[in-house]
């Protein structure tokens, strides 16, 4: 794996900070939310950013689905405060049962 450039490291730090903040909020507000994880392709950032909120079971996921647009908006606002514009916030955050290892 090649080393990340200074710009890529800065992008990664911003995404980590935003993801950590949203994860802390979500754990308090959404029952059954386990963790937040993300992946992205640096050369296609920010369009390639995909944050995932992992849930422990199908019932928790189904109960949280109506809240998805609110959390997508929160991600968009948090990234905008860091100077990064997400063009279509619906593509950048999803709720899932899959974990990072799956």
Protein backbone atom coordinates (compact mmCIF):
# COMPACT_ATOMS: atom_id res chain seq x y z
CA UNK A 1 0.00 0.00 0.00
CA UNK A 2 1.45 3.36 -0.96
CA UNK A 3 1.86 6.18 1.50
CA UNK A 4 -0.79 8.87 1.66
CA UNK A 5 0.05 12.42 0.62
CA UNK A 6 -0.31 15.36 3.02
CA UNK A 7 -3.63 16.30 1.40
CA UNK A 8 -4.92 12.74 1.73
CA UNK A 9 -3.85 12.61 5.38
CA UNK A 10 -5.71 15.87 6.00
CA UNK A 11 -8.82 14.48 4.29
CA UNK A 12 -8.58 11.33 6.37
CA UNK A 13 -8.24 13.33 9.61
CA UNK A 14 -11.33 15.40 8.76
CA UNK A 15 -13.40 12.32 7.97
CA UNK A 16 -12.23 10.57 11.15
CA UNK A 17 -13.18 13.59 13.27
CA UNK A 18 -16.62 13.91 11.68
CA UNK A 19 -17.27 10.15 11.85
CA UNK A 20 -16.26 10.00 15.52
CA UNK A 21 -18.55 12.92 16.40
CA UNK A 22 -21.51 11.46 14.50
CA UNK A 23 -20.90 8.02 15.99
CA UNK A 24 -21.01 9.43 19.53
CA UNK A 25 -24.26 11.29 18.77
CA UNK A 26 -25.85 8.26 17.09
CA UNK A 27 -25.02 5.90 19.94
CA UNK A 28 -26.92 8.21 22.28
CA UNK A 29 -29.89 8.87 20.00
CA UNK A 30 -30.41 5.64 18.00
CA UNK A 31 -31.12 2.41 19.89
CA UNK A 32 -29.21 -0.58 18.52
CA UNK A 33 -26.52 1.42 16.71
CA UNK A 34 -23.18 -0.36 17.18
CA UNK A 35 -20.55 1.60 15.32
CA UNK A 36 -19.79 3.97 12.49
CA UNK A 37 -17.22 3.09 9.84
CA UNK A 38 -16.30 4.49 6.47
CA UNK A 39 -14.35 3.95 3.31
CA UNK A 40 -13.34 6.27 0.49
CA UNK A 41 -11.14 6.49 -2.55
CA UNK A 42 -8.87 9.47 -2.06
CA UNK A 43 -8.63 10.33 -5.77
CA UNK A 44 -12.44 10.54 -5.93
CA UNK A 45 -13.00 12.33 -2.60
CA UNK A 46 -15.51 13.62 -1.47
CA UNK A 47 -17.83 11.81 -3.89
CA UNK A 48 -16.43 8.41 -2.90
CA UNK A 49 -16.94 8.89 0.85
CA UNK A 50 -19.34 6.33 2.28
CA UNK A 51 -20.11 6.38 6.00
CA UNK A 52 -21.99 3.40 7.40
CA UNK A 53 -23.89 3.16 10.66
CA UNK A 54 -23.89 -0.50 11.72
CA UNK A 55 -26.84 -1.89 13.68
CA UNK A 56 -26.99 -5.02 15.83
CA UNK A 57 -30.23 -6.47 14.40
CA UNK A 58 -32.89 -6.10 11.73
CA UNK A 59 -35.45 -4.58 14.12
CA UNK A 60 -33.10 -1.79 15.21
CA UNK A 61 -32.22 -1.10 11.57
CA UNK A 62 -35.89 -0.96 10.54
CA UNK A 63 -36.73 1.34 13.46
CA UNK A 64 -33.87 3.70 12.55
CA UNK A 65 -34.58 3.91 8.78
CA UNK A 66 -36.94 6.92 9.07
CA UNK A 67 -34.09 8.84 10.75
CA UNK A 68 -31.67 8.28 7.84
CA UNK A 69 -32.31 11.62 6.05
CA UNK A 70 -31.69 13.51 9.31
CA UNK A 71 -28.31 11.81 9.76
CA UNK A 72 -27.38 12.36 6.11
CA UNK A 73 -28.05 16.06 6.64
CA UNK A 74 -25.94 16.06 9.82
CA UNK A 75 -23.05 14.50 7.90
CA UNK A 76 -23.38 17.08 5.14
CA UNK A 77 -23.46 19.98 7.61
CA UNK A 78 -20.50 18.62 9.59
CA UNK A 79 -18.41 18.19 6.43
CA UNK A 80 -19.40 21.66 5.19
CA UNK A 81 -18.16 23.15 8.47
CA UNK A 82 -14.80 21.52 7.68
CA UNK A 83 -14.82 23.05 4.18
CA UNK A 84 -15.90 19.94 2.26
CA UNK A 85 -19.06 20.01 0.13
CA UNK A 86 -20.96 16.76 -0.38
CA UNK A 87 -22.92 17.07 -3.62
CA UNK A 88 -25.46 14.32 -2.93
CA UNK A 89 -25.61 13.58 0.78
CA UNK A 90 -27.88 10.56 0.20
CA UNK A 91 -24.94 8.70 -1.32
CA UNK A 92 -22.55 9.38 1.56
CA UNK A 93 -24.30 7.75 4.54
CA UNK A 94 -26.19 4.47 4.84
CA UNK A 95 -27.56 2.29 7.63
CA UNK A 96 -26.47 -1.37 7.51
CA UNK A 97 -26.14 -4.61 9.42
CA UNK A 98 -22.76 -5.38 7.82
CA UNK A 99 -19.55 -4.66 9.67
CA UNK A 100 -16.19 -3.51 8.32
CA UNK A 101 -14.97 -7.13 8.16
CA UNK A 102 -17.97 -8.39 6.14
